PDB file of N, CA and C in Angstrom:
ATOM      1  N   MET A   1     -17.121  17.000   2.285  1.00  0.00           N
ATOM      2  CA  MET A   1     -16.727  15.953   1.592  1.00  0.00           C
ATOM      3  C   MET A   1     -15.395  16.213   0.767  1.00  0.00           C
ATOM      4  N   LYS A   2     -14.501  15.228   0.765  1.00  0.00           N
ATOM      5  CA  LYS A   2     -13.225  15.408  -0.041  1.00  0.00           C
ATOM      6  C   LYS A   2     -13.438  15.346  -1.541  1.00  0.00           C
ATOM      7  N   ASN A   3     -12.908  16.079  -2.369  1.00  0.00           N
ATOM      8  CA  ASN A   3     -12.892  15.913  -3.843  1.00  0.00           C
ATOM      9  C   ASN A   3     -11.871  14.907  -4.117  1.00  0.00           C
ATOM     10  N   THR A   4     -12.351  13.593  -4.454  1.00  0.00           N
ATOM     11  CA  THR A   4     -11.328  12.587  -4.792  1.00  0.00           C
ATOM     12  C   THR A   4     -11.289  12.288  -6.328  1.00  0.00           C
ATOM     13  N   LYS A   5     -11.988  13.064  -7.059  1.00  0.00           N
ATOM     14  CA  LYS A   5     -11.988  12.833  -8.386  1.00  0.00           C
ATOM     15  C   LYS A   5     -10.623  12.568  -9.264  1.00  0.00           C
ATOM     16  N   ASN A   6      -9.734  13.586  -9.044  1.00  0.00           N
ATOM     17  CA  ASN A   6      -8.498  13.558  -9.721  1.00  0.00           C
ATOM     18  C   ASN A   6      -7.291  12.850  -8.941  1.00  0.00           C
ATOM     19  N   LYS A   7      -7.660  12.275  -7.832  1.00  0.00           N
ATOM     20  CA  LYS A   7      -6.427  11.831  -7.094  1.00  0.00           C
ATOM     21  C   LYS A   7      -6.190  10.408  -7.590  1.00  0.00           C
ATOM     22  N   VAL A   8      -4.879  10.164  -7.320  1.00  0.00           N
ATOM     23  CA  VAL A   8      -4.364   8.682  -7.567  1.00  0.00           C
ATOM     24  C   VAL A   8      -4.666   7.911  -6.446  1.00  0.00           C
ATOM     25  N   LYS A   9      -5.254   6.654  -6.644  1.00  0.00           N
ATOM     26  CA  LYS A   9      -5.586   5.873  -5.513  1.00  0.00           C
ATOM     27  C   LYS A   9      -4.379   4.953  -5.252  1.00  0.00           C
ATOM     28  N   LEU A  10      -3.809   5.052  -3.916  1.00  0.00           N
ATOM     29  CA  LEU A  10      -2.791   4.111  -3.539  1.00  0.00           C
ATOM     30  C   LEU A  10      -3.247   3.139  -2.620  1.00  0.00           C
ATOM     31  N   LEU A  11      -2.923   2.001  -2.879  1.00  0.00           N
ATOM     32  CA  LEU A  11      -3.207   0.894  -1.775  1.00  0.00           C
ATOM     33  C   LEU A  11      -1.879   0.372  -1.336  1.00  0.00           C
ATOM     34  N   PHE A  12      -1.729   0.475  -0.018  1.00  0.00           N
ATOM     35  CA  PHE A  12      -0.485  -0.058   0.697  1.00  0.00           C
ATOM     36  C   PHE A  12      -0.918  -1.525   1.402  1.00  0.00           C
ATOM     37  N   VAL A  13       0.062  -2.436   1.144  1.00  0.00           N
ATOM     38  CA  VAL A  13      -0.139  -3.845   1.624  1.00  0.00           C
ATOM     39  C   VAL A  13       1.037  -4.268   2.413  1.00  0.00           C
ATOM     40  N   CYS A  14       0.707  -4.861   3.501  1.00  0.00           N
ATOM     41  CA  CYS A  14       1.709  -5.600   4.302  1.00  0.00           C
ATOM     42  C   CYS A  14       1.107  -6.846   4.805  1.00  0.00           C
ATOM     43  N   SER A  15       1.706  -7.542   5.821  1.00  0.00           N
ATOM     44  CA  SER A  15       1.191  -8.813   6.229  1.00  0.00           C
ATOM     45  C   SER A  15      -0.075  -8.581   7.134  1.00  0.00           C
ATOM     46  N   GLN A  16      -0.100  -7.821   8.231  1.00  0.00           N
ATOM     47  CA  GLN A  16      -1.126  -7.760   9.160  1.00  0.00           C
ATOM     48  C   GLN A  16      -2.014  -6.424   9.132  1.00  0.00           C
ATOM     49  N   ASN A  17      -1.534  -5.449   8.445  1.00  0.00           N
ATOM     50  CA  ASN A  17      -2.052  -4.179   8.269  1.00  0.00           C
ATOM     51  C   ASN A  17      -2.232  -3.562   9.680  1.00  0.00           C
ATOM     52  N   ARG A  18      -1.048  -3.579  10.494  1.00  0.00           N
ATOM     53  CA  ARG A  18      -0.988  -3.099  11.897  1.00  0.00           C
ATOM     54  C   ARG A  18      -0.002  -1.905  11.951  1.00  0.00           C
ATOM     55  N   LEU A  19       1.065  -1.931  11.130  1.00  0.00           N
ATOM     56  CA  LEU A  19       2.271  -1.134  11.387  1.00  0.00           C
ATOM     57  C   LEU A  19       2.564  -0.266  10.059  1.00  0.00           C
ATOM     58  N   ARG A  20       3.089  -1.051   9.097  1.00  0.00           N
ATOM     59  CA  ARG A  20       3.667  -0.344   7.966  1.00  0.00           C
ATOM     60  C   ARG A  20       2.548   0.173   7.086  1.00  0.00           C
ATOM     61  N   SER A  21       1.605  -0.664   6.523  1.00  0.00           N
ATOM     62  CA  SER A  21       0.765  -0.140   5.616  1.00  0.00           C
ATOM     63  C   SER A  21      -0.234   0.848   6.207  1.00  0.00           C
ATOM     64  N   PRO A  22      -0.641   0.758   7.472  1.00  0.00           N
ATOM     65  CA  PRO A  22      -1.423   1.912   7.921  1.00  0.00           C
ATOM     66  C   PRO A  22      -0.695   3.171   8.177  1.00  0.00           C
ATOM     67  N   THR A  23       0.558   3.156   8.538  1.00  0.00           N
ATOM     68  CA  THR A  23       1.392   4.382   8.488  1.00  0.00           C
ATOM     69  C   THR A  23       1.369   4.924   7.154  1.00  0.00           C
ATOM     70  N   ALA A  24       1.714   4.183   6.168  1.00  0.00           N
ATOM     71  CA  ALA A  24       1.639   4.740   4.744  1.00  0.00           C
ATOM     72  C   ALA A  24       0.279   5.236   4.386  1.00  0.00           C
ATOM     73  N   GLU A  25      -0.755   4.591   4.795  1.00  0.00           N
ATOM     74  CA  GLU A  25      -1.991   5.211   4.430  1.00  0.00           C
ATOM     75  C   GLU A  25      -2.256   6.537   5.022  1.00  0.00           C
ATOM     76  N   ILE A  26      -1.923   6.782   6.246  1.00  0.00           N
ATOM     77  CA  ILE A  26      -2.049   8.065   6.950  1.00  0.00           C
ATOM     78  C   ILE A  26      -1.078   9.095   6.230  1.00  0.00           C
ATOM     79  N   LEU A  27       0.160   8.610   5.968  1.00  0.00           N
ATOM     80  CA  LEU A  27       1.233   9.490   5.562  1.00  0.00           C
ATOM     81  C   LEU A  27       0.902  10.297   4.156  1.00  0.00           C
ATOM     82  N   PHE A  28       0.334   9.419   3.185  1.00  0.00           N
ATOM     83  CA  PHE A  28       0.140   9.867   1.821  1.00  0.00           C
ATOM     84  C   PHE A  28      -1.286  10.185   1.527  1.00  0.00           C
ATOM     85  N   ASP A  29      -2.115  10.188   2.481  1.00  0.00           N
ATOM     86  CA  ASP A  29      -3.539  10.547   2.203  1.00  0.00           C
ATOM     87  C   ASP A  29      -3.533  12.058   2.262  1.00  0.00           C
ATOM     88  N   ASN A  30      -3.525  12.801   1.083  1.00  0.00           N
ATOM     89  CA  ASN A  30      -3.346  14.250   0.934  1.00  0.00           C
ATOM     90  C   ASN A  30      -4.153  14.789  -0.290  1.00  0.00           C
ATOM     91  N   GLU A  31      -3.756  16.054  -0.678  1.00  0.00           N
ATOM     92  CA  GLU A  31      -4.428  16.635  -1.736  1.00  0.00           C
ATOM     93  C   GLU A  31      -4.189  15.712  -3.255  1.00  0.00           C
ATOM     94  N   ARG A  32      -3.163  15.202  -3.218  1.00  0.00           N
ATOM     95  CA  ARG A  32      -2.727  14.476  -4.512  1.00  0.00           C
ATOM     96  C   ARG A  32      -3.220  12.887  -4.519  1.00  0.00           C
ATOM     97  N   PHE A  33      -3.192  12.298  -3.294  1.00  0.00           N
ATOM     98  CA  PHE A  33      -3.515  10.859  -3.294  1.00  0.00           C
ATOM     99  C   PHE A  33      -4.651  10.504  -2.314  1.00  0.00           C
ATOM    100  N   GLU A  34      -5.365   9.522  -2.783  1.00  0.00           N
ATOM    101  CA  GLU A  34      -6.337   8.889  -1.918  1.00  0.00           C
ATOM    102  C   GLU A  34      -5.743   7.424  -1.544  1.00  0.00           C
ATOM    103  N   THR A  35      -5.820   7.196  -0.242  1.00  0.00           N
ATOM    104  CA  THR A  35      -5.128   6.050   0.141  1.00  0.00           C
ATOM    105  C   THR A  35      -6.067   4.996   0.855  1.00  0.00           C
ATOM    106  N   ASP A  36      -5.589   3.828   0.980  1.00  0.00           N
ATOM    107  CA  ASP A  36      -6.056   2.726   1.695  1.00  0.00           C
ATOM    108  C   ASP A  36      -4.916   1.712   2.059  1.00  0.00           C
ATOM    109  N   SER A  37      -5.288   0.844   2.983  1.00  0.00           N
ATOM    110  CA  SER A  37      -4.280  -0.159   3.335  1.00  0.00           C
ATOM    111  C   SER A  37      -4.998  -1.544   3.715  1.00  0.00           C
ATOM    112  N   ALA A  38      -4.206  -2.560   3.579  1.00  0.00           N
ATOM    113  CA  ALA A  38      -4.642  -3.847   3.893  1.00  0.00           C
ATOM    114  C   ALA A  38      -3.516  -4.855   4.154  1.00  0.00           C
ATOM    115  N   GLY A  39      -3.969  -6.104   4.685  1.00  0.00           N
ATOM    116  CA  GLY A  39      -2.886  -7.053   4.977  1.00  0.00           C
ATOM    117  C   GLY A  39      -3.318  -8.298   4.242  1.00  0.00           C
ATOM    118  N   LEU A  40      -2.322  -9.119   4.127  1.00  0.00           N
ATOM    119  CA  LEU A  40      -2.326 -10.482   3.341  1.00  0.00           C
ATOM    120  C   LEU A  40      -2.739 -11.633   4.443  1.00  0.00           C
ATOM    121  N   ASN A  41      -2.369 -11.502   5.654  1.00  0.00           N
ATOM    122  CA  ASN A  41      -2.592 -12.439   6.588  1.00  0.00           C
ATOM    123  C   ASN A  41      -3.858 -12.663   6.953  1.00  0.00           C
ATOM    124  N   GLU A  42      -4.504 -13.894   7.272  1.00  0.00           N
ATOM    125  CA  GLU A  42      -5.977 -14.036   7.676  1.00  0.00           C
ATOM    126  C   GLU A  42      -6.283 -13.186   8.850  1.00  0.00           C
ATOM    127  N   ASP A  43      -5.373 -12.936   9.690  1.00  0.00           N
ATOM    128  CA  ASP A  43      -5.632 -12.097  10.893  1.00  0.00           C
ATOM    129  C   ASP A  43      -5.313 -10.609  10.792  1.00  0.00           C
ATOM    130  N   ALA A  44      -5.251 -10.094   9.553  1.00  0.00           N
ATOM    131  CA  ALA A  44      -4.919  -8.794   9.360  1.00  0.00           C
ATOM    132  C   ALA A  44      -6.138  -7.779   9.807  1.00  0.00           C
ATOM    133  N   ASN A  45      -5.819  -6.630  10.294  1.00  0.00           N
ATOM    134  CA  ASN A  45      -6.834  -5.589  10.748  1.00  0.00           C
ATOM    135  C   ASN A  45      -7.835  -5.508   9.653  1.00  0.00           C
ATOM    136  N   GLN A  46      -7.381  -5.250   8.452  1.00  0.00           N
ATOM    137  CA  GLN A  46      -8.225  -5.134   7.223  1.00  0.00           C
ATOM    138  C   GLN A  46      -7.592  -6.075   6.219  1.00  0.00           C
ATOM    139  N   LEU A  47      -8.324  -7.086   5.870  1.00  0.00           N
ATOM    140  CA  LEU A  47      -7.753  -8.193   4.954  1.00  0.00           C
ATOM    141  C   LEU A  47      -7.938  -7.570   3.483  1.00  0.00           C
ATOM    142  N   ILE A  48      -7.007  -7.846   2.656  1.00  0.00           N
ATOM    143  CA  ILE A  48      -7.138  -7.541   1.252  1.00  0.00           C
ATOM    144  C   ILE A  48      -8.337  -8.108   0.629  1.00  0.00           C
ATOM    145  N   THR A  49      -8.981  -7.185  -0.282  1.00  0.00           N
ATOM    146  CA  THR A  49     -10.300  -7.781  -0.956  1.00  0.00           C
ATOM    147  C   THR A  49     -10.097  -7.438  -2.363  1.00  0.00           C
ATOM    148  N   VAL A  50     -10.921  -8.125  -3.263  1.00  0.00           N
ATOM    149  CA  VAL A  50     -10.851  -7.769  -4.677  1.00  0.00           C
ATOM    150  C   VAL A  50     -11.405  -6.223  -4.737  1.00  0.00           C
ATOM    151  N   ASP A  51     -12.435  -5.958  -4.039  1.00  0.00           N
ATOM    152  CA  ASP A  51     -12.817  -4.568  -4.328  1.00  0.00           C
ATOM    153  C   ASP A  51     -11.668  -3.496  -3.964  1.00  0.00           C
ATOM    154  N   LEU A  52     -10.833  -3.866  -3.048  1.00  0.00           N
ATOM    155  CA  LEU A  52      -9.591  -3.015  -2.846  1.00  0.00           C
ATOM    156  C   LEU A  52      -8.730  -2.959  -3.977  1.00  0.00           C
ATOM    157  N   LEU A  53      -8.418  -4.179  -4.496  1.00  0.00           N
ATOM    158  CA  LEU A  53      -7.560  -4.353  -5.560  1.00  0.00           C
ATOM    159  C   LEU A  53      -8.179  -3.557  -6.883  1.00  0.00           C
ATOM    160  N   LEU A  54      -9.415  -3.636  -7.132  1.00  0.00           N
ATOM    161  CA  LEU A  54     -10.204  -2.981  -8.233  1.00  0.00           C
ATOM    162  C   LEU A  54     -10.099  -1.432  -8.011  1.00  0.00           C
ATOM    163  N   TRP A  55     -10.311  -1.034  -6.759  1.00  0.00           N
ATOM    164  CA  TRP A  55     -10.372   0.385  -6.406  1.00  0.00           C
ATOM    165  C   TRP A  55      -9.083   1.008  -6.620  1.00  0.00           C
ATOM    166  N   SER A  56      -7.953   0.547  -6.506  1.00  0.00           N
ATOM    167  CA  SER A  56      -6.625   1.087  -6.450  1.00  0.00           C
ATOM    168  C   SER A  56      -6.179   1.306  -8.017  1.00  0.00           C
ATOM    169  N   ASP A  57      -5.162   2.413  -8.141  1.00  0.00           N
ATOM    170  CA  ASP A  57      -4.604   2.642  -9.350  1.00  0.00           C
ATOM    171  C   ASP A  57      -3.084   2.016  -9.345  1.00  0.00           C
ATOM    172  N   ILE A  58      -2.476   2.259  -8.055  1.00  0.00           N
ATOM    173  CA  ILE A  58      -1.264   1.740  -7.796  1.00  0.00           C
ATOM    174  C   ILE A  58      -1.137   0.800  -6.520  1.00  0.00           C
ATOM    175  N   ILE A  59      -0.553  -0.260  -6.423  1.00  0.00           N
ATOM    176  CA  ILE A  59      -0.441  -1.067  -5.107  1.00  0.00           C
ATOM    177  C   ILE A  59       1.096  -1.128  -4.769  1.00  0.00           C
ATOM    178  N   PHE A  60       1.311  -0.537  -3.554  1.00  0.00           N
ATOM    179  CA  PHE A  60       2.598  -0.768  -2.949  1.00  0.00           C
ATOM    180  C   PHE A  60       2.552  -1.794  -1.970  1.00  0.00           C
ATOM    181  N   CYS A  61       3.470  -2.693  -1.984  1.00  0.00           N
ATOM    182  CA  CYS A  61       3.600  -3.630  -0.979  1.00  0.00           C
ATOM    183  C   CYS A  61       5.021  -3.671  -0.266  1.00  0.00           C
ATOM    184  N   MET A  62       5.116  -4.076   0.954  1.00  0.00           N
ATOM    185  CA  MET A  62       6.231  -3.740   1.739  1.00  0.00           C
ATOM    186  C   MET A  62       7.422  -4.880   1.459  1.00  0.00           C
ATOM    187  N   GLU A  63       7.153  -5.930   1.064  1.00  0.00           N
ATOM    188  CA  GLU A  63       8.104  -6.981   1.000  1.00  0.00           C
ATOM    189  C   GLU A  63       7.942  -7.783  -0.365  1.00  0.00           C
ATOM    190  N   LYS A  64       8.992  -8.520  -0.739  1.00  0.00           N
ATOM    191  CA  LYS A  64       8.960  -9.264  -1.972  1.00  0.00           C
ATOM    192  C   LYS A  64       7.881 -10.531  -1.925  1.00  0.00           C
ATOM    193  N   SER A  65       7.623 -11.020  -0.687  1.00  0.00           N
ATOM    194  CA  SER A  65       6.758 -12.085  -0.482  1.00  0.00           C
ATOM    195  C   SER A  65       5.288 -11.532  -0.832  1.00  0.00           C
ATOM    196  N   HIS A  66       4.991 -10.233  -0.338  1.00  0.00           N
ATOM    197  CA  HIS A  66       3.762  -9.757  -0.567  1.00  0.00           C
ATOM    198  C   HIS A  66       3.571  -9.446  -2.027  1.00  0.00           C
ATOM    199  N   LYS A  67       4.653  -9.068  -2.778  1.00  0.00           N
ATOM    200  CA  LYS A  67       4.490  -8.795  -4.215  1.00  0.00           C
ATOM    201  C   LYS A  67       4.071 -10.177  -4.847  1.00  0.00           C
ATOM    202  N   LYS A  68       4.874 -11.227  -4.356  1.00  0.00           N
ATOM    203  CA  LYS A  68       4.508 -12.572  -5.126  1.00  0.00           C
ATOM    204  C   LYS A  68       3.003 -13.024  -4.732  1.00  0.00           C
ATOM    205  N   LYS A  69       2.602 -12.799  -3.689  1.00  0.00           N
ATOM    206  CA  LYS A  69       1.108 -13.166  -3.384  1.00  0.00           C
ATOM    207  C   LYS A  69       0.181 -12.291  -3.998  1.00  0.00           C
ATOM    208  N   LEU A  70       0.338 -10.989  -4.169  1.00  0.00           N
ATOM    209  CA  LEU A  70      -0.325 -10.051  -4.779  1.00  0.00           C
ATOM    210  C   LEU A  70      -0.453 -10.233  -6.280  1.00  0.00           C
ATOM    211  N   SER A  71       0.694 -10.642  -6.837  1.00  0.00           N
ATOM    212  CA  SER A  71       0.866 -10.894  -8.304  1.00  0.00           C
ATOM    213  C   SER A  71      -0.082 -12.114  -8.679  1.00  0.00           C
ATOM    214  N   LYS A  72      -0.200 -13.198  -7.816  1.00  0.00           N
ATOM    215  CA  LYS A  72      -1.154 -14.354  -8.034  1.00  0.00           C
ATOM    216  C   LYS A  72      -2.539 -13.841  -7.957  1.00  0.00           C
ATOM    217  N   LEU A  73      -2.861 -13.057  -6.983  1.00  0.00           N
ATOM    218  CA  LEU A  73      -4.266 -12.482  -6.822  1.00  0.00           C
ATOM    219  C   LEU A  73      -4.772 -11.752  -7.857  1.00  0.00           C
ATOM    220  N   LEU A  74      -3.850 -10.740  -8.387  1.00  0.00           N
ATOM    221  CA  LEU A  74      -4.188  -9.882  -9.520  1.00  0.00           C
ATOM    222  C   LEU A  74      -4.358 -10.815 -10.719  1.00  0.00           C
ATOM    223  N   LYS A  75      -3.506 -11.797 -11.012  1.00  0.00           N
ATOM    224  CA  LYS A  75      -3.614 -12.595 -12.105  1.00  0.00           C
ATOM    225  C   LYS A  75      -4.894 -13.374 -12.052  1.00  0.00           C
ATOM    226  N   HIS A  76      -5.221 -13.957 -10.954  1.00  0.00           N
ATOM    227  CA  HIS A  76      -6.222 -15.004 -10.709  1.00  0.00           C
ATOM    228  C   HIS A  76      -7.552 -14.122 -11.056  1.00  0.00           C
ATOM    229  N   TYR A  77      -7.692 -12.874 -10.600  1.00  0.00           N
ATOM    230  CA  TYR A  77      -8.921 -12.048 -10.904  1.00  0.00           C
ATOM    231  C   TYR A  77      -8.830 -11.176 -12.199  1.00  0.00           C
ATOM    232  N   ASN A  78      -7.774 -11.383 -12.930  1.00  0.00           N
ATOM    233  CA  ASN A  78      -7.626 -10.649 -14.187  1.00  0.00           C
ATOM    234  C   ASN A  78      -7.620  -9.104 -13.894  1.00  0.00           C
ATOM    235  N   ILE A  79      -6.897  -8.680 -12.951  1.00  0.00           N
ATOM    236  CA  ILE A  79      -6.928  -7.303 -12.619  1.00  0.00           C
ATOM    237  C   ILE A  79      -5.484  -6.734 -12.961  1.00  0.00           C
ATOM    238  N   ASP A  80      -5.412  -5.836 -13.853  1.00  0.00           N
ATOM    239  CA  ASP A  80      -4.158  -5.139 -14.236  1.00  0.00           C
ATOM    240  C   ASP A  80      -3.859  -3.894 -13.499  1.00  0.00           C
ATOM    241  N   ARG A  81      -2.963  -3.868 -12.423  1.00  0.00           N
ATOM    242  CA  ARG A  81      -2.510  -2.752 -11.703  1.00  0.00           C
ATOM    243  C   ARG A  81      -1.004  -2.699 -11.583  1.00  0.00           C
ATOM    244  N   GLN A  82      -0.507  -1.624 -11.448  1.00  0.00           N
ATOM    245  CA  GLN A  82       0.838  -1.373 -11.190  1.00  0.00           C
ATOM    246  C   GLN A  82       1.078  -2.010  -9.705  1.00  0.00           C
ATOM    247  N   LEU A  83       2.095  -2.807  -9.605  1.00  0.00           N
ATOM    248  CA  LEU A  83       2.491  -3.453  -8.294  1.00  0.00           C
ATOM    249  C   LEU A  83       3.943  -3.127  -8.027  1.00  0.00           C
ATOM    250  N   ILE A  84       4.110  -2.343  -6.971  1.00  0.00           N
ATOM    251  CA  ILE A  84       5.524  -1.851  -6.515  1.00  0.00           C
ATOM    252  C   ILE A  84       6.050  -2.361  -5.193  1.00  0.00           C
ATOM    253  N   CYS A  85       7.072  -3.079  -5.076  1.00  0.00           N
ATOM    254  CA  CYS A  85       7.542  -3.516  -3.923  1.00  0.00           C
ATOM    255  C   CYS A  85       8.474  -2.541  -3.286  1.00  0.00           C
ATOM    256  N   LEU A  86       8.331  -1.990  -2.065  1.00  0.00           N
ATOM    257  CA  LEU A  86       9.093  -0.937  -1.352  1.00  0.00           C
ATOM    258  C   LEU A  86      10.245  -1.634  -0.496  1.00  0.00           C
ATOM    259  N   ASN A  87      10.301  -2.888  -0.408  1.00  0.00           N
ATOM    260  CA  ASN A  87      11.298  -3.550   0.217  1.00  0.00           C
ATOM    261  C   ASN A  87      11.601  -3.022   1.640  1.00  0.00           C
ATOM    262  N   ILE A  88      10.432  -2.800   2.472  1.00  0.00           N
ATOM    263  CA  ILE A  88      10.562  -2.209   3.867  1.00  0.00           C
ATOM    264  C   ILE A  88      10.376  -3.366   4.850  1.00  0.00           C
ATOM    265  N   PRO A  89      11.426  -3.730   5.544  1.00  0.00           N
ATOM    266  CA  PRO A  89      11.257  -4.890   6.555  1.00  0.00           C
ATOM    267  C   PRO A  89      10.254  -4.487   7.673  1.00  0.00           C
ATOM    268  N   ASP A  90       9.666  -5.655   8.324  1.00  0.00           N
ATOM    269  CA  ASP A  90       8.888  -5.547   9.303  1.00  0.00           C
ATOM    270  C   ASP A  90       9.529  -5.362  10.771  1.00  0.00           C
ATOM    271  N   GLU A  91      10.202  -4.206  10.814  1.00  0.00           N
ATOM    272  CA  GLU A  91      10.989  -3.887  12.016  1.00  0.00           C
ATOM    273  C   GLU A  91      10.759  -2.501  12.525  1.00  0.00           C
ATOM    274  N   PHE A  92       9.564  -1.951  12.178  1.00  0.00           N
ATOM    275  CA  PHE A  92       9.192  -0.569  12.554  1.00  0.00           C
ATOM    276  C   PHE A  92       7.814  -0.600  13.366  1.00  0.00           C
ATOM    277  N   GLU A  93       7.761   0.473  14.207  1.00  0.00           N
ATOM    278  CA  GLU A  93       6.406   0.599  15.024  1.00  0.00           C
ATOM    279  C   GLU A  93       5.530   1.515  14.154  1.00  0.00           C
ATOM    280  N   PHE A  94       4.354   1.559  14.513  1.00  0.00           N
ATOM    281  CA  PHE A  94       3.298   2.302  13.797  1.00  0.00           C
ATOM    282  C   PHE A  94       3.756   3.861  14.034  1.00  0.00           C
ATOM    283  N   LEU A  95       3.686   4.555  12.745  1.00  0.00           N
ATOM    284  CA  LEU A  95       4.155   5.996  12.766  1.00  0.00           C
ATOM    285  C   LEU A  95       5.483   6.219  13.263  1.00  0.00           C
ATOM    286  N   GLU A  96       6.379   5.184  13.303  1.00  0.00           N
ATOM    287  CA  GLU A  96       7.835   5.397  13.748  1.00  0.00           C
ATOM    288  C   GLU A  96       8.511   6.349  12.661  1.00  0.00           C
ATOM    289  N   SER A  97       9.389   7.269  13.148  1.00  0.00           N
ATOM    290  CA  SER A  97       9.932   8.345  12.287  1.00  0.00           C
ATOM    291  C   SER A  97      10.893   7.585  11.341  1.00  0.00           C
ATOM    292  N   GLY A  98      11.514   6.547  11.541  1.00  0.00           N
ATOM    293  CA  GLY A  98      12.358   5.874  10.674  1.00  0.00           C
ATOM    294  C   GLY A  98      11.575   5.193   9.570  1.00  0.00           C
ATOM    295  N   LEU A  99      10.357   4.790   9.790  1.00  0.00           N
ATOM    296  CA  LEU A  99       9.433   4.166   8.886  1.00  0.00           C
ATOM    297  C   LEU A  99       8.850   5.345   7.955  1.00  0.00           C
ATOM    298  N   ILE A 100       8.571   6.473   8.530  1.00  0.00           N
ATOM    299  CA  ILE A 100       7.983   7.601   7.810  1.00  0.00           C
ATOM    300  C   ILE A 100       8.949   8.076   6.815  1.00  0.00           C
ATOM    301  N   GLU A 101      10.284   8.234   7.273  1.00  0.00           N
ATOM    302  CA  GLU A 101      11.425   8.666   6.430  1.00  0.00           C
ATOM    303  C   GLU A 101      11.646   7.678   5.342  1.00  0.00           C
ATOM    304  N   LEU A 102      11.634   6.494   5.396  1.00  0.00           N
ATOM    305  CA  LEU A 102      11.796   5.350   4.391  1.00  0.00           C
ATOM    306  C   LEU A 102      10.672   5.427   3.529  1.00  0.00           C
ATOM    307  N   LEU A 103       9.351   5.400   3.925  1.00  0.00           N
ATOM    308  CA  LEU A 103       8.249   5.389   3.041  1.00  0.00           C
ATOM    309  C   LEU A 103       8.331   6.749   2.256  1.00  0.00           C
ATOM    310  N   ASN A 104       8.663   7.919   2.730  1.00  0.00           N
ATOM    311  CA  ASN A 104       8.578   9.078   2.004  1.00  0.00           C
ATOM    312  C   ASN A 104       9.698   8.999   0.794  1.00  0.00           C
ATOM    313  N   LYS A 105      10.866   8.529   1.172  1.00  0.00           N
ATOM    314  CA  LYS A 105      11.968   8.365   0.185  1.00  0.00           C
ATOM    315  C   LYS A 105      11.436   7.403  -0.841  1.00  0.00           C
ATOM    316  N   LYS A 106      10.933   6.285  -0.641  1.00  0.00           N
ATOM    317  CA  LYS A 106      10.685   5.165  -1.479  1.00  0.00           C
ATOM    318  C   LYS A 106       9.424   5.454  -2.479  1.00  0.00           C
ATOM    319  N   VAL A 107       8.468   6.069  -1.813  1.00  0.00           N
ATOM    320  CA  VAL A 107       7.366   6.384  -2.599  1.00  0.00           C
ATOM    321  C   VAL A 107       7.451   7.488  -3.529  1.00  0.00           C
ATOM    322  N   TYR A 108       8.124   8.724  -3.016  1.00  0.00           N
ATOM    323  CA  TYR A 108       8.328   9.738  -3.687  1.00  0.00           C
ATOM    324  C   TYR A 108       9.276   9.603  -4.853  1.00  0.00           C
ATOM    325  N   ASP A 109      10.408   8.616  -4.516  1.00  0.00           N
ATOM    326  CA  ASP A 109      11.299   8.090  -5.626  1.00  0.00           C
ATOM    327  C   ASP A 109      10.521   7.476  -6.720  1.00  0.00           C
ATOM    328  N   TYR A 110       9.661   6.602  -6.442  1.00  0.00           N
ATOM    329  CA  TYR A 110       8.773   6.046  -7.489  1.00  0.00           C
ATOM    330  C   TYR A 110       8.039   7.147  -8.493  1.00  0.00           C
ATOM    331  N   PHE A 111       7.563   8.147  -7.830  1.00  0.00           N
ATOM    332  CA  PHE A 111       7.014   9.259  -8.661  1.00  0.00           C
ATOM    333  C   PHE A 111       8.087  10.196  -9.219  1.00  0.00           C
ATOM    334  N   GLY A 112       9.371   9.963  -8.932  1.00  0.00           N
ATOM    335  CA  GLY A 112      10.306  10.796  -9.505  1.00  0.00           C
ATOM    336  C   GLY A 112      10.465  12.087  -8.802  1.00  0.00           C
ATOM    337  N   GLU A 113      10.245  12.201  -7.557  1.00  0.00           N
ATOM    338  CA  GLU A 113      10.255  13.361  -6.810  1.00  0.00           C
ATOM    339  C   GLU A 113      11.557  13.356  -5.884  1.00  0.00           C
TER     340      GLU A 113
END
């Protein structure tokens, strides 16, 4: 069983939870971070839930439209979480090298690395 006590919990959100956010979930699940991912569309592989919002320490969304929807959800449920927009367009395949490179740069830039 993994020791998750001191890990920062990152939630990655996109539209359908099929390409971008699952790639990020896999990429950043390591010694430092515990990760999960979800989608905002009704047909998402894993639809966003209040439990996921409450579980997270930081929420990374892929597009400005996602940030807008998530901001409303967080406000509606009175949940205070950091919400970061990565501005990553829906033009990548699952685990595509260009997506991995972009995610690494933007997420680690957020943490000042």
